C-alpha atoms as a PDB file:
ATOM      1  CA  MET A   1      -8.093   4.743  15.091  1.00  0.00           C
ATOM      2  CA  GLU A   2      -5.213   2.376  15.894  1.00  0.00           C
ATOM      3  CA  ILE A   3      -4.598  -1.010  14.327  1.00  0.00           C
ATOM      4  CA  LEU A   4      -2.309  -3.411  16.162  1.00  0.00           C
ATOM      5  CA  VAL A   5      -0.217  -5.938  14.251  1.00  0.00           C
ATOM      6  CA  PHE A   6       1.176  -8.691  16.464  1.00  0.00           C
ATOM      7  CA  GLY A   7       4.123 -10.783  15.372  1.00  0.00           C
ATOM      8  CA  ALA A   8       7.645 -11.976  16.080  1.00  0.00           C
ATOM      9  CA  GLU A   9      11.052 -11.623  14.489  1.00  0.00           C
ATOM     10  CA  GLN A  10      11.094 -15.315  13.605  1.00  0.00           C
ATOM     11  CA  LEU A  11       8.712 -16.341  10.840  1.00  0.00           C
ATOM     12  CA  CYS A  12       6.179 -18.969  11.786  1.00  0.00           C
ATOM     13  CA  ALA A  13       6.694 -22.391  10.177  1.00  0.00           C
ATOM     14  CA  SER A  14       3.747 -21.988   7.793  1.00  0.00           C
ATOM     15  CA  CYS A  15       4.719 -18.384   6.939  1.00  0.00           C
ATOM     16  CA  VAL A  16       8.010 -19.096   5.146  1.00  0.00           C
ATOM     17  CA  ASN A  17       6.895 -17.644   1.811  1.00  0.00           C
ATOM     18  CA  LEU A  18       4.934 -14.752   3.330  1.00  0.00           C
ATOM     19  CA  PRO A  19       6.141 -11.320   4.482  1.00  0.00           C
ATOM     20  CA  SER A  20       7.184 -10.968   8.113  1.00  0.00           C
ATOM     21  CA  ALA A  21       4.741  -9.494  10.628  1.00  0.00           C
ATOM     22  CA  LYS A  22       6.832  -6.309  10.737  1.00  0.00           C
ATOM     23  CA  ASP A  23       6.733  -6.067   6.922  1.00  0.00           C
ATOM     24  CA  THR A  24       2.973  -6.640   7.055  1.00  0.00           C
ATOM     25  CA  ALA A  25       2.593  -3.779   9.554  1.00  0.00           C
ATOM     26  CA  GLU A  26       4.606  -1.441   7.321  1.00  0.00           C
ATOM     27  CA  TRP A  27       2.604  -2.466   4.237  1.00  0.00           C
ATOM     28  CA  LEU A  28      -0.700  -1.953   6.069  1.00  0.00           C
ATOM     29  CA  GLU A  29       0.376   1.442   7.367  1.00  0.00           C
ATOM     30  CA  ALA A  30       1.289   2.598   3.849  1.00  0.00           C
ATOM     31  CA  ALA A  31      -1.904   1.243   2.263  1.00  0.00           C
ATOM     32  CA  LEU A  32      -4.259   2.503   4.971  1.00  0.00           C
ATOM     33  CA  THR A  33      -2.608   5.914   5.246  1.00  0.00           C
ATOM     34  CA  ARG A  34      -3.105   6.406   1.497  1.00  0.00           C
ATOM     35  CA  LYS A  35      -6.808   5.660   1.865  1.00  0.00           C
ATOM     36  CA  TYR A  36      -7.641   7.139   5.292  1.00  0.00           C
ATOM     37  CA  GLY A  37      -4.870   9.649   5.954  1.00  0.00           C
ATOM     38  CA  ALA A  38      -3.847  10.412   9.513  1.00  0.00           C
ATOM     39  CA  HIS A  39      -7.068   8.897  10.873  1.00  0.00           C
ATOM     40  CA  ILE A  40      -5.373   5.487  10.963  1.00  0.00           C
ATOM     41  CA  ALA A  41      -2.281   4.453  12.895  1.00  0.00           C
ATOM     42  CA  VAL A  42      -0.680   1.014  12.630  1.00  0.00           C
ATOM     43  CA  ARG A  43       1.493  -0.245  15.474  1.00  0.00           C
ATOM     44  CA  TYR A  44       3.660  -3.367  15.378  1.00  0.00           C
ATOM     45  CA  ILE A  45       3.834  -5.358  18.612  1.00  0.00           C
ATOM     46  CA  ASP A  46       6.543  -7.979  19.135  1.00  0.00           C
ATOM     47  CA  ILE A  47       4.897 -10.891  20.962  1.00  0.00           C
ATOM     48  CA  ASP A  48       8.233 -11.839  22.536  1.00  0.00           C
ATOM     49  CA  SER A  49       8.702  -8.469  24.268  1.00  0.00           C
ATOM     50  CA  PRO A  50       7.344  -7.638  27.744  1.00  0.00           C
ATOM     51  CA  LEU A  51       3.697  -6.621  27.311  1.00  0.00           C
ATOM     52  CA  GLU A  52       0.749  -5.678  29.504  1.00  0.00           C
ATOM     53  CA  GLY A  53      -3.023  -5.722  29.267  1.00  0.00           C
ATOM     54  CA  ILE A  54      -4.753  -6.643  26.047  1.00  0.00           C
ATOM     55  CA  GLU A  55      -1.415  -6.789  24.225  1.00  0.00           C
ATOM     56  CA  ALA A  56      -0.126  -9.438  26.646  1.00  0.00           C
ATOM     57  CA  ASP A  57      -3.406 -11.358  26.281  1.00  0.00           C
ATOM     58  CA  PHE A  58      -3.175 -11.500  22.481  1.00  0.00           C
ATOM     59  CA  ALA A  59       0.534 -12.411  22.643  1.00  0.00           C
ATOM     60  CA  ALA A  60      -0.240 -15.296  25.016  1.00  0.00           C
ATOM     61  CA  ARG A  61      -3.010 -16.515  22.730  1.00  0.00           C
ATOM     62  CA  ILE A  62      -0.629 -16.460  19.764  1.00  0.00           C
ATOM     63  CA  HIS A  63       1.979 -18.406  21.774  1.00  0.00           C
ATOM     64  CA  ALA A  64      -0.765 -20.910  22.681  1.00  0.00           C
ATOM     65  CA  GLU A  65      -1.453 -21.243  18.916  1.00  0.00           C
ATOM     66  CA  GLU A  66      -5.006 -19.955  19.253  1.00  0.00           C
ATOM     67  CA  PHE A  67      -4.097 -17.359  16.601  1.00  0.00           C
ATOM     68  CA  TRP A  68      -1.500 -17.160  13.833  1.00  0.00           C
ATOM     69  CA  TYR A  69       0.671 -14.130  13.305  1.00  0.00           C
ATOM     70  CA  PRO A  70       0.713 -11.593  11.909  1.00  0.00           C
ATOM     71  CA  LEU A  71      -2.450 -10.982  13.882  1.00  0.00           C
ATOM     72  CA  VAL A  72      -4.290  -7.752  13.048  1.00  0.00           C
ATOM     73  CA  VAL A  73      -6.500  -6.286  15.792  1.00  0.00           C
ATOM     74  CA  LEU A  74      -8.799  -3.259  15.757  1.00  0.00           C
ATOM     75  CA  ASN A  75     -10.645  -2.144  18.903  1.00  0.00           C
ATOM     76  CA  GLY A  76      -9.876  -5.470  20.597  1.00  0.00           C
ATOM     77  CA  LYS A  77     -11.324  -7.474  17.703  1.00  0.00           C
ATOM     78  CA  VAL A  78      -9.308  -9.722  15.378  1.00  0.00           C
ATOM     79  CA  ILE A  79      -9.711  -8.503  11.795  1.00  0.00           C
ATOM     80  CA  GLY A  80      -6.976 -10.563  10.139  1.00  0.00           C
ATOM     81  CA  GLU A  81      -4.457 -13.285  10.862  1.00  0.00           C
ATOM     82  CA  GLY A  82      -1.792 -15.351   9.137  1.00  0.00           C
ATOM     83  CA  ASN A  83      -1.955 -13.697   5.743  1.00  0.00           C
ATOM     84  CA  PRO A  84      -4.316 -10.744   6.373  1.00  0.00           C
ATOM     85  CA  LYS A  85      -6.294  -9.369   3.445  1.00  0.00           C
ATOM     86  CA  LEU A  86      -6.408  -5.617   2.898  1.00  0.00           C
ATOM     87  CA  LYS A  87     -10.026  -5.766   1.721  1.00  0.00           C
ATOM     88  CA  ASP A  88     -11.145  -7.433   4.996  1.00  0.00           C
ATOM     89  CA  ILE A  89      -9.254  -4.880   7.074  1.00  0.00           C
ATOM     90  CA  GLN A  90     -10.732  -1.963   5.131  1.00  0.00           C
ATOM     91  CA  GLN A  91     -14.214  -3.456   5.567  1.00  0.00           C
ATOM     92  CA  ALA A  92     -13.694  -3.649   9.345  1.00  0.00           C
ATOM     93  CA  ILE A  93     -12.604   0.005   9.372  1.00  0.00           C
ATOM     94  CA  GLU A  94     -15.626   1.046   7.309  1.00  0.00           C
ATOM     95  CA  ASN A  95     -17.955  -0.886   9.634  1.00  0.00           C
ATOM     96  CA  ILE A  96     -16.596   1.070  12.608  1.00  0.00           C
ATOM     97  CA  LYS A  97     -16.768   4.400  10.780  1.00  0.00           C
ATOM     98  CA  LEU A  98     -20.368   3.753   9.705  1.00  0.00           C
ATOM     99  CA  GLY A  99     -21.459   2.209  13.021  1.00  0.00           C
END
C-alpha cells in the first residue's frame, strides 16, 4: 500500500508554524512503518517537479488552491491535507484493509 504526500519546498503562507510537506512525509513513514511494517510505503511528491497522470492532476489542483499541502493521498483518495492527522490516516488504512 502506497501513500502519496504532495508538497513543495516552499511552505505555504498558512503553514509557517507547521512542518514542511517533506518533514510530514518522513514523520508519516516512520509512524506508519512502526504500526504496519513493510506493508506501507510513503512517497513524497514535489508539486513543482514534472509529473504525469494522477500525480500531475493532484499537483495542478493544489496549485489551483483546491487543496492545501501537504496533501496525503491513498488509492487516489484524499485522506489528509494542510495539517494531516495520524489518526485519520490510520483509519483510512484500516478501512481499506477491512474492506
